[in-house]
Amino acid sequence: MSKLAIVATIKTVPGKRDEYLAFLKAHGKRCLATEPGTLQFEILVPHEEADTVMLYEVYASPEAFQTHWNGTSIQQMKQEAAGRSAISADGMVRPCPAPTAIEAGNGR
């Protein structure tokens, strides 16, 4: 079964990125600790976009991603962040499957 990589962009309410990052970091740690199919969970903070967060996530399979997406950690993060308006109305998480990776040395 092939791995699945996700690249997501999240727009936060102006000035709320750091608040949202606290919830997101805790979520990432929980996922790596409790979801065997979550292989990598990286949080990227673009310097030129003060209200943007990007995620790079790798899952053992598409099924592992579905387990993550419907899992308890993401529900906990949503509950903890509820009512804090950290994500802008048009900044919902938009996961986009990443293109298939080319093995090093075989990129022709």
N, C-alpha and C. Protein backbone atom coordinates (compact mmCIF):
# COMPACT_ATOMS: atom_id res chain seq x y z
N MET A 1 0.84 -1.18 0.00
CA MET A 1 0.00 0.00 0.00
C MET A 1 0.90 1.25 0.00
N SER A 2 0.51 2.26 -0.73
CA SER A 2 1.34 3.45 -0.84
C SER A 2 1.02 4.47 0.24
N LYS A 3 2.04 5.24 0.58
CA LYS A 3 1.88 6.31 1.56
C LYS A 3 1.10 7.45 0.93
N LEU A 4 0.58 8.33 1.79
CA LEU A 4 -0.16 9.50 1.33
C LEU A 4 0.45 10.73 2.00
N ALA A 5 0.80 11.73 1.21
CA ALA A 5 1.30 13.00 1.74
C ALA A 5 0.24 14.06 1.52
N ILE A 6 0.09 14.92 2.50
CA ILE A 6 -0.89 16.01 2.44
C ILE A 6 -0.16 17.33 2.64
N VAL A 7 -0.49 18.30 1.82
CA VAL A 7 -0.02 19.67 2.01
C VAL A 7 -1.28 20.51 2.22
N ALA A 8 -1.34 21.22 3.34
CA ALA A 8 -2.53 22.03 3.65
C ALA A 8 -2.11 23.45 3.99
N THR A 9 -2.96 24.40 3.61
CA THR A 9 -2.76 25.81 3.94
C THR A 9 -3.93 26.27 4.79
N ILE A 10 -3.63 26.95 5.88
CA ILE A 10 -4.65 27.45 6.79
C ILE A 10 -4.45 28.96 6.94
N LYS A 11 -5.51 29.72 6.71
CA LYS A 11 -5.47 31.17 6.93
C LYS A 11 -6.11 31.44 8.29
N THR A 12 -5.38 32.16 9.12
CA THR A 12 -5.91 32.50 10.44
C THR A 12 -6.45 33.93 10.43
N VAL A 13 -7.23 34.24 11.43
CA VAL A 13 -7.69 35.61 11.63
C VAL A 13 -6.44 36.46 11.88
N PRO A 14 -6.37 37.66 11.32
CA PRO A 14 -5.19 38.51 11.55
C PRO A 14 -4.85 38.62 13.04
N GLY A 15 -3.59 38.35 13.34
CA GLY A 15 -3.11 38.43 14.71
C GLY A 15 -3.36 37.21 15.58
N LYS A 16 -3.99 36.17 15.03
CA LYS A 16 -4.35 34.99 15.83
C LYS A 16 -3.51 33.76 15.51
N ARG A 17 -2.51 33.89 14.64
CA ARG A 17 -1.74 32.72 14.23
C ARG A 17 -1.08 32.04 15.42
N ASP A 18 -0.43 32.79 16.30
CA ASP A 18 0.27 32.18 17.43
C ASP A 18 -0.69 31.42 18.34
N GLU A 19 -1.88 31.98 18.54
CA GLU A 19 -2.89 31.30 19.36
C GLU A 19 -3.28 29.97 18.72
N TYR A 20 -3.51 29.98 17.41
CA TYR A 20 -3.87 28.76 16.71
C TYR A 20 -2.72 27.76 16.71
N LEU A 21 -1.49 28.25 16.59
CA LEU A 21 -0.33 27.36 16.58
C LEU A 21 -0.22 26.53 17.86
N ALA A 22 -0.60 27.10 18.98
CA ALA A 22 -0.55 26.36 20.25
C ALA A 22 -1.45 25.12 20.17
N PHE A 23 -2.65 25.27 19.64
CA PHE A 23 -3.57 24.13 19.49
C PHE A 23 -3.02 23.14 18.46
N LEU A 24 -2.50 23.66 17.37
CA LEU A 24 -2.01 22.83 16.28
C LEU A 24 -0.79 22.00 16.71
N LYS A 25 0.12 22.61 17.45
CA LYS A 25 1.31 21.89 17.93
C LYS A 25 0.92 20.74 18.85
N ALA A 26 -0.01 20.99 19.76
CA ALA A 26 -0.47 19.94 20.67
C ALA A 26 -1.14 18.81 19.88
N HIS A 27 -1.92 19.18 18.88
CA HIS A 27 -2.58 18.20 18.02
C HIS A 27 -1.54 17.34 17.29
N GLY A 28 -0.53 17.97 16.72
CA GLY A 28 0.50 17.23 16.00
C GLY A 28 1.21 16.23 16.90
N LYS A 29 1.55 16.64 18.12
CA LYS A 29 2.21 15.73 19.06
C LYS A 29 1.32 14.55 19.41
N ARG A 30 0.03 14.82 19.63
CA ARG A 30 -0.90 13.73 19.95
C ARG A 30 -1.00 12.75 18.79
N CYS A 31 -1.09 13.28 17.57
CA CYS A 31 -1.22 12.42 16.39
C CYS A 31 -0.02 11.49 16.26
N LEU A 32 1.17 12.04 16.39
CA LEU A 32 2.38 11.23 16.25
C LEU A 32 2.48 10.19 17.37
N ALA A 33 1.96 10.50 18.54
CA ALA A 33 2.04 9.59 19.68
C ALA A 33 0.96 8.51 19.67
N THR A 34 -0.22 8.83 19.11
CA THR A 34 -1.36 7.90 19.25
C THR A 34 -1.90 7.33 17.95
N GLU A 35 -1.46 7.83 16.81
CA GLU A 35 -1.95 7.34 15.53
C GLU A 35 -0.80 6.66 14.79
N PRO A 36 -0.74 5.32 14.84
CA PRO A 36 0.38 4.62 14.21
C PRO A 36 0.54 4.93 12.71
N GLY A 37 -0.54 5.27 12.04
CA GLY A 37 -0.47 5.57 10.61
C GLY A 37 -0.03 6.98 10.28
N THR A 38 0.09 7.85 11.29
CA THR A 38 0.61 9.20 11.07
C THR A 38 2.12 9.13 11.19
N LEU A 39 2.81 9.29 10.07
CA LEU A 39 4.26 9.13 10.03
C LEU A 39 5.01 10.45 10.20
N GLN A 40 4.42 11.54 9.75
CA GLN A 40 5.08 12.85 9.83
C GLN A 40 4.02 13.93 9.91
N PHE A 41 4.26 14.95 10.75
CA PHE A 41 3.34 16.06 10.92
C PHE A 41 4.18 17.31 11.12
N GLU A 42 4.38 18.05 10.06
CA GLU A 42 5.24 19.24 10.09
C GLU A 42 4.38 20.49 9.98
N ILE A 43 4.68 21.47 10.82
CA ILE A 43 4.00 22.76 10.79
C ILE A 43 4.98 23.79 10.23
N LEU A 44 4.56 24.49 9.18
CA LEU A 44 5.40 25.49 8.52
C LEU A 44 4.76 26.85 8.70
N VAL A 45 5.58 27.85 8.99
CA VAL A 45 5.10 29.21 9.21
C VAL A 45 5.78 30.13 8.21
N PRO A 46 5.07 30.52 7.14
CA PRO A 46 5.67 31.41 6.15
C PRO A 46 5.99 32.78 6.75
N HIS A 47 7.21 33.25 6.56
CA HIS A 47 7.62 34.54 7.11
C HIS A 47 6.91 35.71 6.46
N GLU A 48 6.60 35.60 5.20
CA GLU A 48 6.00 36.71 4.45
C GLU A 48 4.48 36.76 4.56
N GLU A 49 3.87 35.76 5.21
CA GLU A 49 2.41 35.71 5.34
C GLU A 49 2.08 35.51 6.82
N ALA A 50 1.90 36.59 7.52
CA ALA A 50 1.76 36.56 8.98
C ALA A 50 0.53 35.81 9.48
N ASP A 51 -0.45 35.58 8.63
CA ASP A 51 -1.67 34.91 9.06
C ASP A 51 -1.88 33.58 8.35
N THR A 52 -0.78 32.94 7.98
CA THR A 52 -0.85 31.67 7.26
C THR A 52 -0.03 30.61 7.98
N VAL A 53 -0.58 29.40 8.00
CA VAL A 53 0.10 28.22 8.52
C VAL A 53 0.00 27.17 7.43
N MET A 54 1.07 26.44 7.22
CA MET A 54 1.05 25.34 6.26
C MET A 54 1.39 24.05 7.00
N LEU A 55 0.82 22.97 6.53
CA LEU A 55 1.09 21.66 7.10
C LEU A 55 1.62 20.73 6.03
N TYR A 56 2.55 19.88 6.42
CA TYR A 56 3.01 18.79 5.57
C TYR A 56 2.87 17.54 6.42
N GLU A 57 2.01 16.64 5.98
CA GLU A 57 1.71 15.43 6.75
C GLU A 57 1.91 14.21 5.86
N VAL A 58 2.44 13.14 6.46
CA VAL A 58 2.62 11.89 5.72
C VAL A 58 1.93 10.78 6.51
N TYR A 59 1.15 9.99 5.78
CA TYR A 59 0.39 8.89 6.37
C TYR A 59 0.79 7.58 5.71
N ALA A 60 0.68 6.50 6.46
CA ALA A 60 1.07 5.18 5.96
C ALA A 60 0.20 4.74 4.78
N SER A 61 -1.02 5.27 4.70
CA SER A 61 -1.95 4.88 3.64
C SER A 61 -3.10 5.88 3.61
N PRO A 62 -3.91 5.86 2.56
CA PRO A 62 -5.10 6.71 2.55
C PRO A 62 -6.04 6.39 3.72
N GLU A 63 -6.09 5.14 4.11
CA GLU A 63 -6.94 4.75 5.24
C GLU A 63 -6.43 5.36 6.55
N ALA A 64 -5.11 5.43 6.69
CA ALA A 64 -4.53 6.05 7.89
C ALA A 64 -4.89 7.54 7.95
N PHE A 65 -4.94 8.20 6.78
CA PHE A 65 -5.35 9.60 6.77
C PHE A 65 -6.81 9.72 7.21
N GLN A 66 -7.67 8.84 6.72
CA GLN A 66 -9.08 8.89 7.12
C GLN A 66 -9.24 8.67 8.63
N THR A 67 -8.43 7.76 9.18
CA THR A 67 -8.44 7.54 10.63
C THR A 67 -8.04 8.81 11.35
N HIS A 68 -7.01 9.48 10.84
CA HIS A 68 -6.57 10.75 11.43
C HIS A 68 -7.67 11.80 11.33
N TRP A 69 -8.22 11.98 10.14
CA TRP A 69 -9.21 13.03 9.87
C TRP A 69 -10.45 12.88 10.73
N ASN A 70 -10.81 11.64 11.05
CA ASN A 70 -11.99 11.36 11.86
C ASN A 70 -11.64 11.03 13.31
N GLY A 71 -10.38 11.22 13.69
CA GLY A 71 -9.90 10.78 14.99
C GLY A 71 -10.20 11.72 16.14
N THR A 72 -9.84 11.25 17.32
CA THR A 72 -10.14 11.99 18.55
C THR A 72 -9.26 13.24 18.69
N SER A 73 -8.03 13.20 18.20
CA SER A 73 -7.15 14.36 18.37
C SER A 73 -7.67 15.58 17.62
N ILE A 74 -8.11 15.37 16.39
CA ILE A 74 -8.62 16.51 15.61
C ILE A 74 -9.91 17.04 16.24
N GLN A 75 -10.73 16.15 16.78
CA GLN A 75 -11.95 16.58 17.46
C GLN A 75 -11.60 17.39 18.71
N GLN A 76 -10.58 16.93 19.45
CA GLN A 76 -10.15 17.65 20.65
C GLN A 76 -9.65 19.04 20.28
N MET A 77 -8.84 19.14 19.22
CA MET A 77 -8.33 20.45 18.81
C MET A 77 -9.48 21.38 18.44
N LYS A 78 -10.46 20.87 17.71
CA LYS A 78 -11.60 21.70 17.32
C LYS A 78 -12.36 22.20 18.55
N GLN A 79 -12.54 21.32 19.54
CA GLN A 79 -13.25 21.73 20.76
C GLN A 79 -12.47 22.78 21.54
N GLU A 80 -11.15 22.57 21.65
CA GLU A 80 -10.32 23.51 22.41
C GLU A 80 -10.26 24.88 21.73
N ALA A 81 -10.26 24.90 20.41
CA ALA A 81 -10.16 26.15 19.67
C ALA A 81 -11.52 26.79 19.40
N ALA A 82 -12.60 26.08 19.71
CA ALA A 82 -13.95 26.58 19.42
C ALA A 82 -14.20 27.92 20.11
N GLY A 83 -14.80 28.82 19.34
CA GLY A 83 -15.17 30.12 19.89
C GLY A 83 -14.02 31.11 19.96
N ARG A 84 -12.86 30.71 19.55
CA ARG A 84 -11.70 31.61 19.63
C ARG A 84 -11.46 32.33 18.31
N SER A 85 -12.18 31.96 17.27
CA SER A 85 -12.08 32.61 15.96
C SER A 85 -10.64 32.70 15.46
N ALA A 86 -9.91 31.62 15.61
CA ALA A 86 -8.51 31.63 15.18
C ALA A 86 -8.38 31.44 13.66
N ILE A 87 -9.33 30.72 13.05
CA ILE A 87 -9.27 30.48 11.61
C ILE A 87 -10.24 31.44 10.93
N SER A 88 -9.77 32.10 9.88
CA SER A 88 -10.64 33.04 9.17
C SER A 88 -11.74 32.28 8.44
N ALA A 89 -12.82 32.96 8.11
CA ALA A 89 -13.97 32.33 7.46
C ALA A 89 -13.58 31.67 6.15
N ASP A 90 -12.64 32.26 5.42
CA ASP A 90 -12.22 31.66 4.16
C ASP A 90 -10.92 30.88 4.31
N GLY A 91 -10.49 30.65 5.54
CA GLY A 91 -9.21 30.00 5.78
C GLY A 91 -9.32 28.58 6.27
N MET A 92 -10.41 27.91 5.94
CA MET A 92 -10.58 26.54 6.35
C MET A 92 -9.42 25.69 5.84
N VAL A 93 -9.14 24.63 6.56
CA VAL A 93 -8.07 23.72 6.15
C VAL A 93 -8.44 23.12 4.80
N ARG A 94 -7.53 23.24 3.86
CA ARG A 94 -7.76 22.69 2.53
C ARG A 94 -6.67 21.67 2.23
N PRO A 95 -6.87 20.41 2.64
CA PRO A 95 -5.84 19.42 2.34
C PRO A 95 -5.79 19.13 0.85
N CYS A 96 -4.60 19.09 0.32
CA CYS A 96 -4.39 18.79 -1.09
C CYS A 96 -3.40 17.65 -1.18
N PRO A 97 -3.79 16.52 -1.73
CA PRO A 97 -2.84 15.42 -1.85
C PRO A 97 -1.62 15.88 -2.63
N ALA A 98 -0.45 15.60 -2.08
CA ALA A 98 0.79 15.98 -2.75
C ALA A 98 1.06 15.03 -3.91
N PRO A 99 1.79 15.51 -4.91
CA PRO A 99 2.14 14.63 -6.02
C PRO A 99 3.01 13.48 -5.54
N THR A 100 3.04 12.43 -6.30
CA THR A 100 3.86 11.27 -5.96
C THR A 100 5.32 11.69 -5.92
N ALA A 101 6.01 11.29 -4.86
CA ALA A 101 7.42 11.63 -4.72
C ALA A 101 8.26 10.77 -5.65
N ILE A 102 9.35 11.33 -6.09
CA ILE A 102 10.32 10.61 -6.91
C ILE A 102 11.47 10.25 -6.00
N GLU A 103 11.90 9.01 -6.04
CA GLU A 103 13.01 8.60 -5.19
C GLU A 103 14.27 9.36 -5.55
N ALA A 104 15.09 9.65 -4.55
CA ALA A 104 16.35 10.35 -4.79
C ALA A 104 17.19 9.57 -5.79
N GLY A 105 17.73 10.29 -6.73
CA GLY A 105 18.57 9.67 -7.74
C GLY A 105 17.80 9.15 -8.94
N ASN A 106 16.48 9.13 -8.85
CA ASN A 106 15.67 8.62 -9.95
C ASN A 106 14.76 9.69 -10.53
N GLY A 107 15.12 10.95 -10.36
CA GLY A 107 14.24 12.05 -10.73
C GLY A 107 14.28 12.47 -12.19
N ARG A 108 14.48 11.57 -13.09
CA ARG A 108 14.52 11.92 -14.50
C ARG A 108 13.19 11.74 -15.16
